[in-house]
């Protein structure tokens, strides 16, 4: 519960923040396999629409919604990691305060 846990959470927070930024830039590497599959299917559908001289609006909307869902997922993960980090810091501070309060000299 000490510094090592906080450092581990800090690394995880940093990793998740990098993933979130990558998703915002439109990169695919942070997506889950299911999200990548959905994105590929939407792209293929858009290519088919282009081939048949139709509008690609539906495919673009699907790709946008998949990207925003991934962004929401990573944002929630980041919030949860920050909450866990704060909980660990609070517990460590309480333990330290209790240890100091138990001294009587």
N, C-alpha and C. Protein backbone atom coordinates (compact mmCIF):
# COMPACT_ATOMS: atom_id res chain seq x y z
N UNK A 1 0.82 -1.19 0.00
CA UNK A 1 0.00 0.00 0.00
C UNK A 1 0.87 1.25 0.00
N UNK A 2 2.16 1.12 -0.10
CA UNK A 2 3.03 2.27 -0.01
C UNK A 2 3.28 2.96 -1.33
N UNK A 3 4.48 3.48 -1.43
CA UNK A 3 4.86 4.25 -2.61
C UNK A 3 4.84 3.41 -3.88
N UNK A 4 5.17 2.14 -3.77
CA UNK A 4 5.24 1.31 -4.97
C UNK A 4 3.88 1.19 -5.64
N UNK A 5 2.82 1.09 -4.85
CA UNK A 5 1.47 1.02 -5.43
C UNK A 5 1.11 2.34 -6.11
N UNK A 6 1.47 3.45 -5.49
CA UNK A 6 1.18 4.76 -6.09
C UNK A 6 1.97 4.93 -7.37
N UNK A 7 3.23 4.50 -7.37
CA UNK A 7 4.04 4.59 -8.60
C UNK A 7 3.46 3.71 -9.70
N UNK A 8 3.00 2.54 -9.35
CA UNK A 8 2.37 1.65 -10.32
C UNK A 8 1.13 2.30 -10.91
N UNK A 9 0.31 2.90 -10.06
CA UNK A 9 -0.88 3.58 -10.54
C UNK A 9 -0.52 4.80 -11.40
N UNK A 10 0.54 5.52 -11.02
CA UNK A 10 0.99 6.66 -11.83
C UNK A 10 1.39 6.21 -13.23
N UNK A 11 2.10 5.08 -13.32
CA UNK A 11 2.48 4.56 -14.65
C UNK A 11 1.25 4.17 -15.45
N UNK A 12 0.30 3.55 -14.79
CA UNK A 12 -0.94 3.15 -15.47
C UNK A 12 -1.74 4.37 -15.92
N UNK A 13 -1.78 5.40 -15.09
CA UNK A 13 -2.47 6.65 -15.45
C UNK A 13 -1.80 7.27 -16.67
N UNK A 14 -0.48 7.30 -16.67
CA UNK A 14 0.26 7.87 -17.80
C UNK A 14 -0.01 7.07 -19.08
N UNK A 15 -0.01 5.76 -18.96
CA UNK A 15 -0.27 4.88 -20.11
C UNK A 15 -1.68 5.11 -20.67
N UNK A 16 -2.66 5.22 -19.77
CA UNK A 16 -4.04 5.44 -20.20
C UNK A 16 -4.21 6.82 -20.82
N UNK A 17 -3.53 7.82 -20.28
CA UNK A 17 -3.60 9.17 -20.85
C UNK A 17 -3.02 9.19 -22.26
N UNK A 18 -1.92 8.45 -22.48
CA UNK A 18 -1.35 8.36 -23.82
C UNK A 18 -2.32 7.69 -24.78
N UNK A 19 -3.00 6.64 -24.31
CA UNK A 19 -3.98 5.96 -25.15
C UNK A 19 -5.13 6.90 -25.51
N UNK A 20 -5.58 7.68 -24.53
CA UNK A 20 -6.68 8.61 -24.77
C UNK A 20 -6.29 9.66 -25.81
N UNK A 21 -5.08 10.19 -25.70
CA UNK A 21 -4.62 11.17 -26.68
C UNK A 21 -4.52 10.56 -28.06
N UNK A 22 -4.07 9.31 -28.13
CA UNK A 22 -3.95 8.63 -29.42
C UNK A 22 -5.33 8.43 -30.05
N UNK A 23 -6.32 8.07 -29.24
CA UNK A 23 -7.68 7.90 -29.77
C UNK A 23 -8.22 9.24 -30.27
N UNK A 24 -7.93 10.30 -29.55
CA UNK A 24 -8.38 11.63 -29.98
C UNK A 24 -7.74 12.04 -31.30
N UNK A 25 -6.51 11.57 -31.54
CA UNK A 25 -5.84 11.86 -32.81
C UNK A 25 -6.31 10.95 -33.93
N UNK A 26 -7.12 9.95 -33.61
CA UNK A 26 -7.65 9.06 -34.62
C UNK A 26 -6.82 7.81 -34.85
N UNK A 27 -5.89 7.52 -33.96
CA UNK A 27 -5.06 6.32 -34.11
C UNK A 27 -5.84 5.10 -33.63
N UNK A 28 -5.48 3.95 -34.17
CA UNK A 28 -6.22 2.72 -33.88
C UNK A 28 -5.55 1.84 -32.84
N UNK A 29 -4.27 2.02 -32.55
CA UNK A 29 -3.57 1.06 -31.69
C UNK A 29 -4.16 0.95 -30.28
N UNK A 30 -4.77 2.00 -29.70
CA UNK A 30 -5.33 1.80 -28.35
C UNK A 30 -6.71 1.13 -28.35
N UNK A 31 -7.30 0.91 -29.52
CA UNK A 31 -8.63 0.31 -29.57
C UNK A 31 -8.58 -1.17 -29.20
N UNK A 32 -9.67 -1.66 -28.63
CA UNK A 32 -9.77 -3.09 -28.36
C UNK A 32 -10.00 -3.82 -29.68
N UNK A 33 -9.85 -5.12 -29.67
CA UNK A 33 -10.01 -5.88 -30.91
C UNK A 33 -11.43 -5.75 -31.46
N UNK A 34 -12.40 -5.70 -30.60
CA UNK A 34 -13.79 -5.56 -31.04
C UNK A 34 -14.01 -4.18 -31.68
N UNK A 35 -13.41 -3.16 -31.07
CA UNK A 35 -13.54 -1.81 -31.65
C UNK A 35 -12.83 -1.73 -33.00
N UNK A 36 -11.65 -2.37 -33.09
CA UNK A 36 -10.94 -2.39 -34.38
C UNK A 36 -11.75 -3.10 -35.45
N UNK A 37 -12.36 -4.21 -35.08
CA UNK A 37 -13.19 -4.96 -36.01
C UNK A 37 -14.37 -4.11 -36.49
N UNK A 38 -15.04 -3.45 -35.57
CA UNK A 38 -16.16 -2.58 -35.94
C UNK A 38 -15.71 -1.44 -36.84
N UNK A 39 -14.56 -0.88 -36.53
CA UNK A 39 -14.02 0.22 -37.32
C UNK A 39 -13.69 -0.27 -38.74
N UNK A 40 -13.11 -1.45 -38.84
CA UNK A 40 -12.77 -2.02 -40.15
C UNK A 40 -14.04 -2.30 -40.95
N UNK A 41 -15.06 -2.83 -40.29
CA UNK A 41 -16.32 -3.10 -40.98
C UNK A 41 -16.96 -1.81 -41.49
N UNK A 42 -16.92 -0.77 -40.66
CA UNK A 42 -17.48 0.51 -41.08
C UNK A 42 -16.70 1.07 -42.27
N UNK A 43 -15.39 0.92 -42.22
CA UNK A 43 -14.56 1.41 -43.32
C UNK A 43 -14.85 0.63 -44.60
N UNK A 44 -15.00 -0.67 -44.48
CA UNK A 44 -15.32 -1.49 -45.65
C UNK A 44 -16.69 -1.11 -46.21
N UNK A 45 -17.64 -0.85 -45.34
CA UNK A 45 -18.96 -0.41 -45.78
C UNK A 45 -18.90 0.92 -46.51
N UNK A 46 -18.04 1.82 -46.01
CA UNK A 46 -17.86 3.11 -46.68
C UNK A 46 -17.22 2.95 -48.05
N UNK A 47 -16.25 2.03 -48.14
CA UNK A 47 -15.59 1.78 -49.43
C UNK A 47 -16.60 1.20 -50.42
N UNK A 48 -17.46 0.34 -49.93
CA UNK A 48 -18.50 -0.24 -50.80
C UNK A 48 -19.44 0.85 -51.28
N UNK A 49 -19.79 1.78 -50.39
CA UNK A 49 -20.67 2.88 -50.77
C UNK A 49 -20.02 3.75 -51.83
N UNK A 50 -18.74 4.02 -51.68
CA UNK A 50 -18.01 4.82 -52.66
C UNK A 50 -18.01 4.10 -54.01
N UNK A 51 -17.79 2.81 -53.96
CA UNK A 51 -17.75 2.02 -55.20
C UNK A 51 -19.09 2.06 -55.93
N UNK A 52 -20.18 2.11 -55.16
CA UNK A 52 -21.51 2.13 -55.79
C UNK A 52 -22.03 3.56 -55.97
N UNK A 53 -21.15 4.56 -55.82
CA UNK A 53 -21.51 5.98 -55.96
C UNK A 53 -22.62 6.40 -55.01
N UNK A 54 -22.52 5.97 -53.77
CA UNK A 54 -23.48 6.36 -52.73
C UNK A 54 -22.76 7.19 -51.67
N UNK A 55 -23.54 7.72 -50.76
CA UNK A 55 -23.00 8.54 -49.69
C UNK A 55 -22.31 7.67 -48.63
N UNK A 56 -21.24 8.20 -48.06
CA UNK A 56 -20.50 7.46 -47.02
C UNK A 56 -20.86 7.97 -45.62
N UNK A 57 -21.91 8.75 -45.52
CA UNK A 57 -22.27 9.37 -44.24
C UNK A 57 -22.51 8.34 -43.15
N UNK A 58 -23.21 7.26 -43.47
CA UNK A 58 -23.50 6.23 -42.46
C UNK A 58 -22.24 5.60 -41.92
N UNK A 59 -21.30 5.28 -42.82
CA UNK A 59 -20.04 4.66 -42.39
C UNK A 59 -19.22 5.65 -41.56
N UNK A 60 -19.21 6.91 -41.97
CA UNK A 60 -18.47 7.92 -41.21
C UNK A 60 -19.06 8.10 -39.82
N UNK A 61 -20.39 8.09 -39.74
CA UNK A 61 -21.05 8.23 -38.43
C UNK A 61 -20.73 7.03 -37.54
N UNK A 62 -20.71 5.83 -38.11
CA UNK A 62 -20.37 4.63 -37.33
C UNK A 62 -18.93 4.72 -36.81
N UNK A 63 -18.01 5.16 -37.67
CA UNK A 63 -16.61 5.28 -37.25
C UNK A 63 -16.46 6.33 -36.16
N UNK A 64 -17.19 7.44 -36.29
CA UNK A 64 -17.15 8.48 -35.27
C UNK A 64 -17.71 7.98 -33.94
N UNK A 65 -18.80 7.23 -34.00
CA UNK A 65 -19.40 6.73 -32.76
C UNK A 65 -18.49 5.70 -32.08
N UNK A 66 -17.81 4.88 -32.89
CA UNK A 66 -16.87 3.90 -32.31
C UNK A 66 -15.71 4.63 -31.63
N UNK A 67 -15.21 5.67 -32.29
CA UNK A 67 -14.12 6.45 -31.70
C UNK A 67 -14.53 7.15 -30.43
N UNK A 68 -15.74 7.71 -30.41
CA UNK A 68 -16.19 8.39 -29.20
C UNK A 68 -16.47 7.40 -28.07
N UNK A 69 -16.92 6.19 -28.42
CA UNK A 69 -17.13 5.16 -27.39
C UNK A 69 -15.79 4.74 -26.77
N UNK A 70 -14.77 4.61 -27.61
CA UNK A 70 -13.44 4.27 -27.09
C UNK A 70 -12.91 5.40 -26.22
N UNK A 71 -13.16 6.63 -26.62
CA UNK A 71 -12.73 7.78 -25.83
C UNK A 71 -13.43 7.80 -24.47
N UNK A 72 -14.71 7.51 -24.47
CA UNK A 72 -15.48 7.45 -23.22
C UNK A 72 -14.95 6.35 -22.31
N UNK A 73 -14.67 5.19 -22.90
CA UNK A 73 -14.14 4.06 -22.12
C UNK A 73 -12.81 4.43 -21.46
N UNK A 74 -11.91 5.04 -22.24
CA UNK A 74 -10.60 5.40 -21.69
C UNK A 74 -10.72 6.52 -20.65
N UNK A 75 -11.65 7.43 -20.87
CA UNK A 75 -11.88 8.50 -19.90
C UNK A 75 -12.36 7.93 -18.58
N UNK A 76 -13.29 6.98 -18.63
CA UNK A 76 -13.79 6.34 -17.40
C UNK A 76 -12.68 5.58 -16.70
N UNK A 77 -11.84 4.92 -17.47
CA UNK A 77 -10.71 4.19 -16.90
C UNK A 77 -9.74 5.15 -16.19
N UNK A 78 -9.52 6.30 -16.82
CA UNK A 78 -8.62 7.30 -16.24
C UNK A 78 -9.19 7.86 -14.94
N UNK A 79 -10.48 8.12 -14.91
CA UNK A 79 -11.13 8.63 -13.70
C UNK A 79 -11.03 7.59 -12.58
N UNK A 80 -11.25 6.32 -12.92
CA UNK A 80 -11.17 5.26 -11.91
C UNK A 80 -9.75 5.14 -11.36
N UNK A 81 -8.75 5.26 -12.23
CA UNK A 81 -7.36 5.18 -11.76
C UNK A 81 -7.01 6.35 -10.86
N UNK A 82 -7.48 7.54 -11.21
CA UNK A 82 -7.23 8.71 -10.35
C UNK A 82 -7.90 8.53 -8.99
N UNK A 83 -9.11 7.99 -8.98
CA UNK A 83 -9.80 7.73 -7.71
C UNK A 83 -9.07 6.73 -6.86
N UNK A 84 -8.57 5.67 -7.48
CA UNK A 84 -7.81 4.65 -6.74
C UNK A 84 -6.53 5.22 -6.18
N UNK A 85 -5.87 6.05 -6.97
CA UNK A 85 -4.63 6.70 -6.50
C UNK A 85 -4.92 7.58 -5.29
N UNK A 86 -5.99 8.36 -5.37
CA UNK A 86 -6.35 9.23 -4.25
C UNK A 86 -6.69 8.42 -3.01
N UNK A 87 -7.36 7.28 -3.20
CA UNK A 87 -7.70 6.42 -2.06
C UNK A 87 -6.45 5.89 -1.38
N UNK A 88 -5.47 5.46 -2.19
CA UNK A 88 -4.22 4.96 -1.62
C UNK A 88 -3.47 6.04 -0.86
N UNK A 89 -3.44 7.24 -1.41
CA UNK A 89 -2.74 8.34 -0.74
C UNK A 89 -3.44 8.69 0.57
N UNK A 90 -4.76 8.70 0.56
CA UNK A 90 -5.52 9.00 1.78
C UNK A 90 -5.29 7.95 2.85
N UNK A 91 -5.30 6.68 2.44
CA UNK A 91 -5.05 5.61 3.41
C UNK A 91 -3.65 5.71 4.01
N UNK A 92 -2.67 6.01 3.19
CA UNK A 92 -1.30 6.15 3.69
C UNK A 92 -1.19 7.32 4.66
N UNK A 93 -1.88 8.42 4.36
CA UNK A 93 -1.85 9.59 5.25
C UNK A 93 -2.53 9.27 6.57
N UNK A 94 -3.65 8.54 6.52
CA UNK A 94 -4.34 8.16 7.76
C UNK A 94 -3.47 7.25 8.61
N UNK A 95 -2.81 6.30 7.96
CA UNK A 95 -1.94 5.39 8.69
C UNK A 95 -0.79 6.15 9.34
N UNK A 96 -0.24 7.10 8.61
CA UNK A 96 0.87 7.90 9.14
C UNK A 96 0.40 8.76 10.32
N UNK A 97 -0.79 9.36 10.18
CA UNK A 97 -1.33 10.18 11.26
C UNK A 97 -1.64 9.33 12.49
N UNK A 98 -2.16 8.13 12.29
CA UNK A 98 -2.47 7.25 13.41
C UNK A 98 -1.18 6.82 14.11
N UNK A 99 -0.15 6.59 13.33
CA UNK A 99 1.13 6.19 13.90
C UNK A 99 1.72 7.32 14.75
N UNK A 100 1.61 8.56 14.23
CA UNK A 100 2.12 9.71 15.00
C UNK A 100 1.27 9.95 16.24
N UNK A 101 -0.03 9.75 16.16
CA UNK A 101 -0.93 10.01 17.29
C UNK A 101 -0.73 8.97 18.39
N UNK A 102 -0.26 7.79 18.03
CA UNK A 102 -0.10 6.76 19.05
C UNK A 102 1.12 7.00 19.93
N UNK A 103 2.02 7.85 19.48
CA UNK A 103 3.21 8.17 20.31
C UNK A 103 2.77 9.04 21.49
N UNK A 104 3.40 8.83 22.63
CA UNK A 104 2.99 9.63 23.80
C UNK A 104 4.14 10.39 24.42
N UNK A 105 5.29 10.36 23.76
CA UNK A 105 6.41 11.08 24.36
C UNK A 105 6.70 12.36 23.65
